[in-house]
Amino acid sequence: MESKWSSRSDAYVLGRDFKSASRLNYQQYLWHETLHFNLHPTIESHHPFSSTKRTKHQVAAPSLKIANVACGSGAWLRNLAQELPQAELHGFDLSLAQCPPIQWLPGNIRLQEWNLFDEPAAEMLGRYELVHTRLIFTVVQDEDARPIIQTGVQAPVIEEMLEDLKQKGKWANRLPESMEECGLCDVALWEFEERADLAKAFFDNSLAKDEEMAQNALKGTEEEMRLLSVVKKMSEESMGGVVICTPKIVCTARKRAQKN
């Protein structure tokens, strides 16, 4: 059976000489002049670092690992290394011909040849807090970016649980209608997405709830053993960086004033 990663031949249609490297370096300048960031502000708001608010005395957490897939000439990595000198920056590309020699780069940058259509090595999976890619318009084949987007993290039990959860709790989104039908007024509903830095904590909390339910309400039954097995497997899968995030819903309403 063919792997979903389907290793493909070199699909890069541009050059890799000094002119091509100069073009990529200039493109990084143009992109930065246009965007005014290397990491999008919404990413920074979910992580304990900020490139836009940093001073020369502030450093990133030593454990932070960032991958740059299709790193080209390494220009984006070189810029980011100045903002996050303590982060581990790993650049991957099918060819490193356009990059400077590794000994000329900041010490927190590492380069490795890798085809983004090939299956990632085991040590790459679940390793990086951030994965960045850019300028791959000519590389995407058949108008399908999914072979590139695939994370490689397999979580079949979590995926099955997610599909099951999608069929439950629909009443929560219908709360405004239900409250109005019961005579309440000024009904409003807000939805809050989970913060990335709290996603694992929320997921662990949910697993603890499921385990507690299995050991109490389902104690002594086959369903207890099944649910405990599911909890164990989901806990193991979450170690690879996969969790279920559920938005938090807040609904308010007011009782209608009584007429005298």
C-alpha atoms as a PDB file:
ATOM      1  CA  MET A   1       0.000   0.000   0.000  1.00  0.00           C
ATOM      2  CA  GLU A   2       1.344   3.410  -0.910  1.00  0.00           C
ATOM      3  CA  SER A   3       2.123   5.633   2.063  1.00  0.00           C
ATOM      4  CA  LYS A   4       0.006   8.776   2.436  1.00  0.00           C
ATOM      5  CA  TRP A   5       3.283  10.667   2.336  1.00  0.00           C
ATOM      6  CA  SER A   6       4.065   9.295  -1.162  1.00  0.00           C
ATOM      7  CA  SER A   7       7.676  10.309  -1.618  1.00  0.00           C
ATOM      8  CA  ARG A   8       7.891  12.413  -4.764  1.00  0.00           C
ATOM      9  CA  SER A   9      10.790  13.443  -6.937  1.00  0.00           C
ATOM     10  CA  ASP A  10      12.200  16.952  -6.720  1.00  0.00           C
ATOM     11  CA  ALA A  11       9.212  19.165  -7.582  1.00  0.00           C
ATOM     12  CA  TYR A  12      11.165  22.414  -7.225  1.00  0.00           C
ATOM     13  CA  VAL A  13      11.035  24.165 -10.586  1.00  0.00           C
ATOM     14  CA  LEU A  14      13.289  27.118  -9.710  1.00  0.00           C
ATOM     15  CA  GLY A  15      17.055  27.349  -9.513  1.00  0.00           C
ATOM     16  CA  ARG A  16      19.456  26.932  -6.609  1.00  0.00           C
ATOM     17  CA  ASP A  17      22.377  29.132  -7.661  1.00  0.00           C
ATOM     18  CA  PHE A  18      23.556  32.496  -6.296  1.00  0.00           C
ATOM     19  CA  LYS A  19      20.803  34.368  -8.141  1.00  0.00           C
ATOM     20  CA  SER A  20      18.125  32.125  -6.653  1.00  0.00           C
ATOM     21  CA  ALA A  21      19.575  32.473  -3.147  1.00  0.00           C
ATOM     22  CA  SER A  22      19.665  36.270  -3.569  1.00  0.00           C
ATOM     23  CA  ARG A  23      16.028  36.229  -4.680  1.00  0.00           C
ATOM     24  CA  LEU A  24      14.986  34.264  -1.582  1.00  0.00           C
ATOM     25  CA  ASN A  25      16.931  36.582   0.730  1.00  0.00           C
ATOM     26  CA  TYR A  26      15.283  39.614  -0.882  1.00  0.00           C
ATOM     27  CA  GLN A  27      11.858  37.969  -0.632  1.00  0.00           C
ATOM     28  CA  GLN A  28      12.343  37.557   3.115  1.00  0.00           C
ATOM     29  CA  TYR A  29      13.085  41.294   3.357  1.00  0.00           C
ATOM     30  CA  LEU A  30       9.986  42.153   1.300  1.00  0.00           C
ATOM     31  CA  TRP A  31       7.750  39.841   3.317  1.00  0.00           C
ATOM     32  CA  HIS A  32       8.998  41.269   6.612  1.00  0.00           C
ATOM     33  CA  GLU A  33       8.598  44.851   5.392  1.00  0.00           C
ATOM     34  CA  THR A  34       5.013  43.966   4.439  1.00  0.00           C
ATOM     35  CA  LEU A  35       3.986  41.849   7.453  1.00  0.00           C
ATOM     36  CA  HIS A  36       6.160  43.483  10.133  1.00  0.00           C
ATOM     37  CA  PHE A  37       6.593  40.153  11.917  1.00  0.00           C
ATOM     38  CA  ASN A  38       8.307  36.803  11.606  1.00  0.00           C
ATOM     39  CA  LEU A  39       5.817  35.064  13.904  1.00  0.00           C
ATOM     40  CA  HIS A  40       2.195  36.120  13.652  1.00  0.00           C
ATOM     41  CA  PRO A  41       0.981  38.041  16.732  1.00  0.00           C
ATOM     42  CA  THR A  42      -1.786  35.502  17.365  1.00  0.00           C
ATOM     43  CA  ILE A  43       0.892  32.823  17.717  1.00  0.00           C
ATOM     44  CA  GLU A  44       2.842  34.941  20.159  1.00  0.00           C
ATOM     45  CA  SER A  45      -0.254  35.593  22.255  1.00  0.00           C
ATOM     46  CA  HIS A  46      -0.608  31.842  22.867  1.00  0.00           C
ATOM     47  CA  HIS A  47       3.017  31.275  23.857  1.00  0.00           C
ATOM     48  CA  PRO A  48       5.185  32.556  26.727  1.00  0.00           C
ATOM     49  CA  PHE A  49       7.345  34.656  24.426  1.00  0.00           C
ATOM     50  CA  SER A  50       6.851  37.688  22.234  1.00  0.00           C
ATOM     51  CA  SER A  51       9.148  38.879  19.473  1.00  0.00           C
ATOM     52  CA  THR A  52       7.373  42.246  19.267  1.00  0.00           C
ATOM     53  CA  LYS A  53       7.748  43.084  22.973  1.00  0.00           C
ATOM     54  CA  ARG A  54      11.166  41.635  23.600  1.00  0.00           C
ATOM     55  CA  THR A  55      14.166  43.593  24.793  1.00  0.00           C
ATOM     56  CA  LYS A  56      17.772  42.550  24.401  1.00  0.00           C
ATOM     57  CA  HIS A  57      17.663  41.230  27.974  1.00  0.00           C
ATOM     58  CA  GLN A  58      14.705  38.906  27.329  1.00  0.00           C
ATOM     59  CA  VAL A  59      15.180  35.419  25.925  1.00  0.00           C
ATOM     60  CA  ALA A  60      12.868  32.628  24.846  1.00  0.00           C
ATOM     61  CA  ALA A  61      12.343  29.510  26.896  1.00  0.00           C
ATOM     62  CA  PRO A  62      15.250  27.108  26.227  1.00  0.00           C
ATOM     63  CA  SER A  63      12.845  24.286  25.423  1.00  0.00           C
ATOM     64  CA  LEU A  64      11.132  26.122  22.567  1.00  0.00           C
ATOM     65  CA  LYS A  65      11.629  24.259  19.276  1.00  0.00           C
ATOM     66  CA  ILE A  66      10.647  25.720  15.911  1.00  0.00           C
ATOM     67  CA  ALA A  67      10.815  23.950  12.545  1.00  0.00           C
ATOM     68  CA  ASN A  68      11.085  25.788   9.225  1.00  0.00           C
ATOM     69  CA  VAL A  69      10.003  23.443   6.438  1.00  0.00           C
ATOM     70  CA  ALA A  70      11.253  24.428   2.970  1.00  0.00           C
ATOM     71  CA  CYS A  71      13.737  26.815   4.567  1.00  0.00           C
ATOM     72  CA  GLY A  72      15.304  27.839   1.239  1.00  0.00           C
ATOM     73  CA  SER A  73      18.259  30.124   1.949  1.00  0.00           C
ATOM     74  CA  GLY A  74      17.615  30.123   5.700  1.00  0.00           C
ATOM     75  CA  ALA A  75      16.765  33.849   5.678  1.00  0.00           C
ATOM     76  CA  TRP A  76      13.664  33.476   7.874  1.00  0.00           C
ATOM     77  CA  LEU A  77      15.620  31.374  10.362  1.00  0.00           C
ATOM     78  CA  ARG A  78      18.424  33.939  10.521  1.00  0.00           C
ATOM     79  CA  ASN A  79      15.940  36.715  11.282  1.00  0.00           C
ATOM     80  CA  LEU A  80      14.122  34.670  13.902  1.00  0.00           C
ATOM     81  CA  ALA A  81      17.395  33.677  15.571  1.00  0.00           C
ATOM     82  CA  GLN A  82      17.922  37.338  16.444  1.00  0.00           C
ATOM     83  CA  GLU A  83      14.515  37.517  18.121  1.00  0.00           C
ATOM     84  CA  LEU A  84      14.654  34.132  19.865  1.00  0.00           C
ATOM     85  CA  PRO A  85      18.337  33.437  20.570  1.00  0.00           C
ATOM     86  CA  GLN A  86      17.583  30.638  23.058  1.00  0.00           C
ATOM     87  CA  ALA A  87      15.092  28.776  20.871  1.00  0.00           C
ATOM     88  CA  GLU A  88      16.096  25.694  18.877  1.00  0.00           C
ATOM     89  CA  LEU A  89      15.555  26.504  15.202  1.00  0.00           C
ATOM     90  CA  HIS A  90      15.590  23.596  12.757  1.00  0.00           C
ATOM     91  CA  GLY A  91      15.520  24.194   9.010  1.00  0.00           C
ATOM     92  CA  PHE A  92      14.472  21.467   6.566  1.00  0.00           C
ATOM     93  CA  ASP A  93      14.736  21.490   2.784  1.00  0.00           C
ATOM     94  CA  LEU A  94      15.204  19.035  -0.037  1.00  0.00           C
ATOM     95  CA  SER A  95      18.457  20.845  -0.824  1.00  0.00           C
ATOM     96  CA  LEU A  96      20.552  23.095   1.423  1.00  0.00           C
ATOM     97  CA  ALA A  97      22.538  24.456  -1.530  1.00  0.00           C
ATOM     98  CA  GLN A  98      21.158  27.968  -1.013  1.00  0.00           C
ATOM     99  CA  CYS A  99      21.962  28.119   2.719  1.00  0.00           C
ATOM    100  CA  PRO A 100      25.205  29.504   4.155  1.00  0.00           C
ATOM    101  CA  PRO A 101      27.599  26.970   5.715  1.00  0.00           C
ATOM    102  CA  ILE A 102      26.216  25.901   9.075  1.00  0.00           C
ATOM    103  CA  GLN A 103      29.269  27.277  10.907  1.00  0.00           C
ATOM    104  CA  TRP A 104      28.397  30.765   9.628  1.00  0.00           C
ATOM    105  CA  LEU A 105      24.887  30.667  11.096  1.00  0.00           C
ATOM    106  CA  PRO A 106      23.767  31.482  14.649  1.00  0.00           C
ATOM    107  CA  GLY A 107      24.475  28.605  17.000  1.00  0.00           C
ATOM    108  CA  ASN A 108      20.802  27.855  17.655  1.00  0.00           C
ATOM    109  CA  ILE A 109      20.136  26.990  13.993  1.00  0.00           C
ATOM    110  CA  ARG A 110      20.365  23.437  12.700  1.00  0.00           C
ATOM    111  CA  LEU A 111      19.846  22.399   9.074  1.00  0.00           C
ATOM    112  CA  GLN A 112      18.809  19.047   7.633  1.00  0.00           C
ATOM    113  CA  GLU A 113      17.926  17.808   4.170  1.00  0.00           C
ATOM    114  CA  TRP A 114      14.367  16.467   4.038  1.00  0.00           C
ATOM    115  CA  ASN A 115      11.728  16.267   1.309  1.00  0.00           C
ATOM    116  CA  LEU A 116       8.435  17.607   2.666  1.00  0.00           C
ATOM    117  CA  PHE A 117       6.598  14.927   0.663  1.00  0.00           C
ATOM    118  CA  ASP A 118       8.492  12.158   2.471  1.00  0.00           C
ATOM    119  CA  GLU A 119       7.335  10.589   5.703  1.00  0.00           C
ATOM    120  CA  PRO A 120       8.943  12.447   8.629  1.00  0.00           C
ATOM    121  CA  ALA A 121      11.377  10.597  10.848  1.00  0.00           C
ATOM    122  CA  ALA A 122      10.048   9.429  14.210  1.00  0.00           C
ATOM    123  CA  GLU A 123      12.143  12.002  16.095  1.00  0.00           C
ATOM    124  CA  MET A 124      10.421  14.808  14.168  1.00  0.00           C
ATOM    125  CA  LEU A 125       6.887  13.882  15.240  1.00  0.00           C
ATOM    126  CA  GLY A 126       5.411  15.902  18.086  1.00  0.00           C
ATOM    127  CA  ARG A 127       8.742  17.628  18.672  1.00  0.00           C
ATOM    128  CA  TYR A 128       8.059  21.204  17.620  1.00  0.00           C
ATOM    129  CA  GLU A 129       5.894  23.845  19.253  1.00  0.00           C
ATOM    130  CA  LEU A 130       5.794  25.767  15.971  1.00  0.00           C
ATOM    131  CA  VAL A 131       6.135  24.710  12.341  1.00  0.00           C
ATOM    132  CA  HIS A 132       6.599  27.399   9.686  1.00  0.00           C
ATOM    133  CA  THR A 133       6.598  27.161   5.897  1.00  0.00           C
ATOM    134  CA  ARG A 134       6.424  29.782   3.171  1.00  0.00           C
ATOM    135  CA  LEU A 135       6.859  30.235  -0.589  1.00  0.00           C
ATOM    136  CA  ILE A 136       5.743  26.732  -1.571  1.00  0.00           C
ATOM    137  CA  PHE A 137       3.223  27.842  -4.196  1.00  0.00           C
ATOM    138  CA  THR A 138       5.148  26.129  -7.004  1.00  0.00           C
ATOM    139  CA  VAL A 139       5.634  22.952  -4.973  1.00  0.00           C
ATOM    140  CA  VAL A 140       2.000  22.120  -4.149  1.00  0.00           C
ATOM    141  CA  GLN A 141       0.851  19.516  -6.646  1.00  0.00           C
ATOM    142  CA  ASP A 142      -2.618  18.784  -8.043  1.00  0.00           C
ATOM    143  CA  GLU A 143      -4.065  21.776  -6.152  1.00  0.00           C
ATOM    144  CA  ASP A 144      -3.892  19.702  -2.956  1.00  0.00           C
ATOM    145  CA  ALA A 145      -1.889  20.907   0.042  1.00  0.00           C
ATOM    146  CA  ARG A 146      -2.931  18.069   2.349  1.00  0.00           C
ATOM    147  CA  PRO A 147       0.164  15.903   1.733  1.00  0.00           C
ATOM    148  CA  ILE A 148       2.189  18.845   3.070  1.00  0.00           C
ATOM    149  CA  ILE A 149      -0.123  19.749   5.938  1.00  0.00           C
ATOM    150  CA  GLN A 150      -0.343  16.246   7.397  1.00  0.00           C
ATOM    151  CA  THR A 151       1.131  16.301  10.898  1.00  0.00           C
ATOM    152  CA  GLY A 152       2.138  12.657  10.905  1.00  0.00           C
ATOM    153  CA  VAL A 153       0.801  12.225  14.449  1.00  0.00           C
ATOM    154  CA  GLN A 154      -1.509   9.221  14.582  1.00  0.00           C
ATOM    155  CA  ALA A 155      -4.290   9.476  17.156  1.00  0.00           C
ATOM    156  CA  PRO A 156      -7.050   7.065  16.093  1.00  0.00           C
ATOM    157  CA  VAL A 157      -8.642   6.769  19.549  1.00  0.00           C
ATOM    158  CA  ILE A 158      -8.802  10.538  20.033  1.00  0.00           C
ATOM    159  CA  GLU A 159     -10.193  10.941  16.505  1.00  0.00           C
ATOM    160  CA  GLU A 160     -12.905   8.371  17.231  1.00  0.00           C
ATOM    161  CA  MET A 161     -13.778  10.123  20.489  1.00  0.00           C
ATOM    162  CA  LEU A 162     -13.947  13.470  18.668  1.00  0.00           C
ATOM    163  CA  GLU A 163     -16.442  12.088  16.143  1.00  0.00           C
ATOM    164  CA  ASP A 164     -18.536  10.770  19.020  1.00  0.00           C
ATOM    165  CA  LEU A 165     -18.444  14.116  20.834  1.00  0.00           C
ATOM    166  CA  LYS A 166     -19.592  15.942  17.705  1.00  0.00           C
ATOM    167  CA  GLN A 167     -22.911  14.117  18.021  1.00  0.00           C
ATOM    168  CA  LYS A 168     -23.414  15.217  21.639  1.00  0.00           C
ATOM    169  CA  GLY A 169     -23.991  18.499  23.431  1.00  0.00           C
ATOM    170  CA  LYS A 170     -25.807  20.163  20.548  1.00  0.00           C
ATOM    171  CA  TRP A 171     -28.370  21.394  23.078  1.00  0.00           C
ATOM    172  CA  ALA A 172     -25.789  23.895  24.365  1.00  0.00           C
ATOM    173  CA  ASN A 173     -25.819  25.888  21.121  1.00  0.00           C
ATOM    174  CA  ARG A 174     -29.616  25.885  21.243  1.00  0.00           C
ATOM    175  CA  LEU A 175     -29.719  27.444  24.716  1.00  0.00           C
ATOM    176  CA  PRO A 176     -30.793  30.912  23.455  1.00  0.00           C
ATOM    177  CA  GLU A 177     -33.822  29.453  21.677  1.00  0.00           C
ATOM    178  CA  SER A 178     -34.635  27.235  24.670  1.00  0.00           C
ATOM    179  CA  MET A 179     -34.461  30.170  27.090  1.00  0.00           C
ATOM    180  CA  GLU A 180     -36.652  32.356  24.900  1.00  0.00           C
ATOM    181  CA  GLU A 181     -39.183  29.539  24.591  1.00  0.00           C
ATOM    182  CA  CYS A 182     -39.262  29.423  28.398  1.00  0.00           C
ATOM    183  CA  GLY A 183     -40.119  33.118  28.579  1.00  0.00           C
ATOM    184  CA  LEU A 184     -36.691  34.631  29.289  1.00  0.00           C
ATOM    185  CA  CYS A 185     -35.471  37.740  27.465  1.00  0.00           C
ATOM    186  CA  ASP A 186     -32.230  39.554  26.582  1.00  0.00           C
ATOM    187  CA  VAL A 187     -30.683  36.204  25.796  1.00  0.00           C
ATOM    188  CA  ALA A 188     -27.046  36.199  24.633  1.00  0.00           C
ATOM    189  CA  LEU A 189     -24.509  33.474  24.007  1.00  0.00           C
ATOM    190  CA  TRP A 190     -20.719  33.770  23.835  1.00  0.00           C
ATOM    191  CA  GLU A 191     -18.217  31.151  22.753  1.00  0.00           C
ATOM    192  CA  PHE A 192     -14.639  31.120  24.075  1.00  0.00           C
ATOM    193  CA  GLU A 193     -11.954  29.055  22.379  1.00  0.00           C
ATOM    194  CA  GLU A 194      -9.437  27.263  24.566  1.00  0.00           C
ATOM    195  CA  ARG A 195      -6.035  28.886  24.809  1.00  0.00           C
ATOM    196  CA  ALA A 196      -3.255  26.783  23.306  1.00  0.00           C
ATOM    197  CA  ASP A 197      -1.228  26.855  26.521  1.00  0.00           C
ATOM    198  CA  LEU A 198      -4.223  25.475  28.456  1.00  0.00           C
ATOM    199  CA  ALA A 199      -5.401  22.910  25.891  1.00  0.00           C
ATOM    200  CA  LYS A 200      -3.402  20.012  27.394  1.00  0.00           C
ATOM    201  CA  ALA A 201      -4.543  20.891  30.922  1.00  0.00           C
ATOM    202  CA  PHE A 202      -8.198  20.925  29.807  1.00  0.00           C
ATOM    203  CA  PHE A 203      -7.724  17.593  28.014  1.00  0.00           C
ATOM    204  CA  ASP A 204      -6.038  15.981  31.026  1.00  0.00           C
ATOM    205  CA  ASN A 205      -8.899  17.237  33.193  1.00  0.00           C
ATOM    206  CA  SER A 206     -11.390  15.602  30.832  1.00  0.00           C
ATOM    207  CA  LEU A 207      -9.485  12.314  30.961  1.00  0.00           C
ATOM    208  CA  ALA A 208      -9.540  12.439  34.769  1.00  0.00           C
ATOM    209  CA  LYS A 209     -13.313  12.942  34.648  1.00  0.00           C
ATOM    210  CA  ASP A 210     -13.773   9.955  32.306  1.00  0.00           C
ATOM    211  CA  GLU A 211     -11.578   7.741  34.493  1.00  0.00           C
ATOM    212  CA  GLU A 212     -13.481   8.779  37.620  1.00  0.00           C
ATOM    213  CA  MET A 213     -16.802   8.046  35.906  1.00  0.00           C
ATOM    214  CA  ALA A 214     -15.566   4.614  34.830  1.00  0.00           C
ATOM    215  CA  GLN A 215     -14.376   3.720  38.324  1.00  0.00           C
ATOM    216  CA  ASN A 216     -17.567   4.886  40.013  1.00  0.00           C
ATOM    217  CA  ALA A 217     -20.698   4.887  37.869  1.00  0.00           C
ATOM    218  CA  LEU A 218     -19.493   1.964  35.725  1.00  0.00           C
ATOM    219  CA  LYS A 219     -17.625   0.024  38.389  1.00  0.00           C
ATOM    220  CA  GLY A 220     -17.608  -3.743  37.875  1.00  0.00           C
ATOM    221  CA  THR A 221     -18.943  -3.606  34.324  1.00  0.00           C
ATOM    222  CA  GLU A 222     -17.390  -4.321  30.938  1.00  0.00           C
ATOM    223  CA  GLU A 223     -17.987  -0.686  30.057  1.00  0.00           C
ATOM    224  CA  GLU A 224     -15.685   0.305  32.927  1.00  0.00           C
ATOM    225  CA  MET A 225     -12.801  -1.676  31.438  1.00  0.00           C
ATOM    226  CA  ARG A 226     -13.511  -0.332  27.957  1.00  0.00           C
ATOM    227  CA  LEU A 227     -13.577   3.305  29.074  1.00  0.00           C
ATOM    228  CA  LEU A 228     -10.430   2.907  31.205  1.00  0.00           C
ATOM    229  CA  SER A 229      -8.671   1.448  28.165  1.00  0.00           C
ATOM    230  CA  VAL A 230      -9.823   4.398  26.031  1.00  0.00           C
ATOM    231  CA  VAL A 231      -8.575   6.890  28.637  1.00  0.00           C
ATOM    232  CA  LYS A 232      -5.177   5.198  28.758  1.00  0.00           C
ATOM    233  CA  LYS A 233      -4.827   5.188  24.963  1.00  0.00           C
ATOM    234  CA  MET A 234      -5.919   8.825  24.615  1.00  0.00           C
ATOM    235  CA  SER A 235      -3.425   9.829  27.302  1.00  0.00           C
ATOM    236  CA  GLU A 236      -0.647   8.106  25.372  1.00  0.00           C
ATOM    237  CA  GLU A 237      -1.723   9.691  22.072  1.00  0.00           C
ATOM    238  CA  SER A 238      -1.819  13.142  23.642  1.00  0.00           C
ATOM    239  CA  MET A 239       1.919  12.854  24.348  1.00  0.00           C
ATOM    240  CA  GLY A 240       2.412  13.316  20.603  1.00  0.00           C
ATOM    241  CA  GLY A 241       0.761  16.735  20.652  1.00  0.00           C
ATOM    242  CA  VAL A 242      -2.873  15.818  19.900  1.00  0.00           C
ATOM    243  CA  VAL A 243      -5.765  16.789  22.169  1.00  0.00           C
ATOM    244  CA  ILE A 244      -9.462  17.561  21.827  1.00  0.00           C
ATOM    245  CA  CYS A 245     -10.321  21.230  22.329  1.00  0.00           C
ATOM    246  CA  THR A 246     -13.889  22.136  23.186  1.00  0.00           C
ATOM    247  CA  PRO A 247     -15.070  25.775  23.191  1.00  0.00           C
ATOM    248  CA  LYS A 248     -16.529  27.126  26.405  1.00  0.00           C
ATOM    249  CA  ILE A 249     -20.049  28.540  26.123  1.00  0.00           C
ATOM    250  CA  VAL A 250     -21.496  31.259  28.338  1.00  0.00           C
ATOM    251  CA  CYS A 251     -25.203  32.021  28.026  1.00  0.00           C
ATOM    252  CA  THR A 252     -27.018  34.787  29.887  1.00  0.00           C
ATOM    253  CA  ALA A 253     -30.702  35.693  30.070  1.00  0.00           C
ATOM    254  CA  ARG A 254     -33.052  37.817  32.120  1.00  0.00           C
ATOM    255  CA  LYS A 255     -36.423  37.045  33.606  1.00  0.00           C
ATOM    256  CA  ARG A 256     -39.135  39.247  32.176  1.00  0.00           C
ATOM    257  CA  ALA A 257     -40.414  41.944  34.489  1.00  0.00           C
ATOM    258  CA  GLN A 258     -43.750  41.143  36.067  1.00  0.00           C
ATOM    259  CA  LYS A 259     -46.544  43.546  35.198  1.00  0.00           C
ATOM    260  CA  ASN A 260     -48.614  44.824  38.111  1.00  0.00           C
END
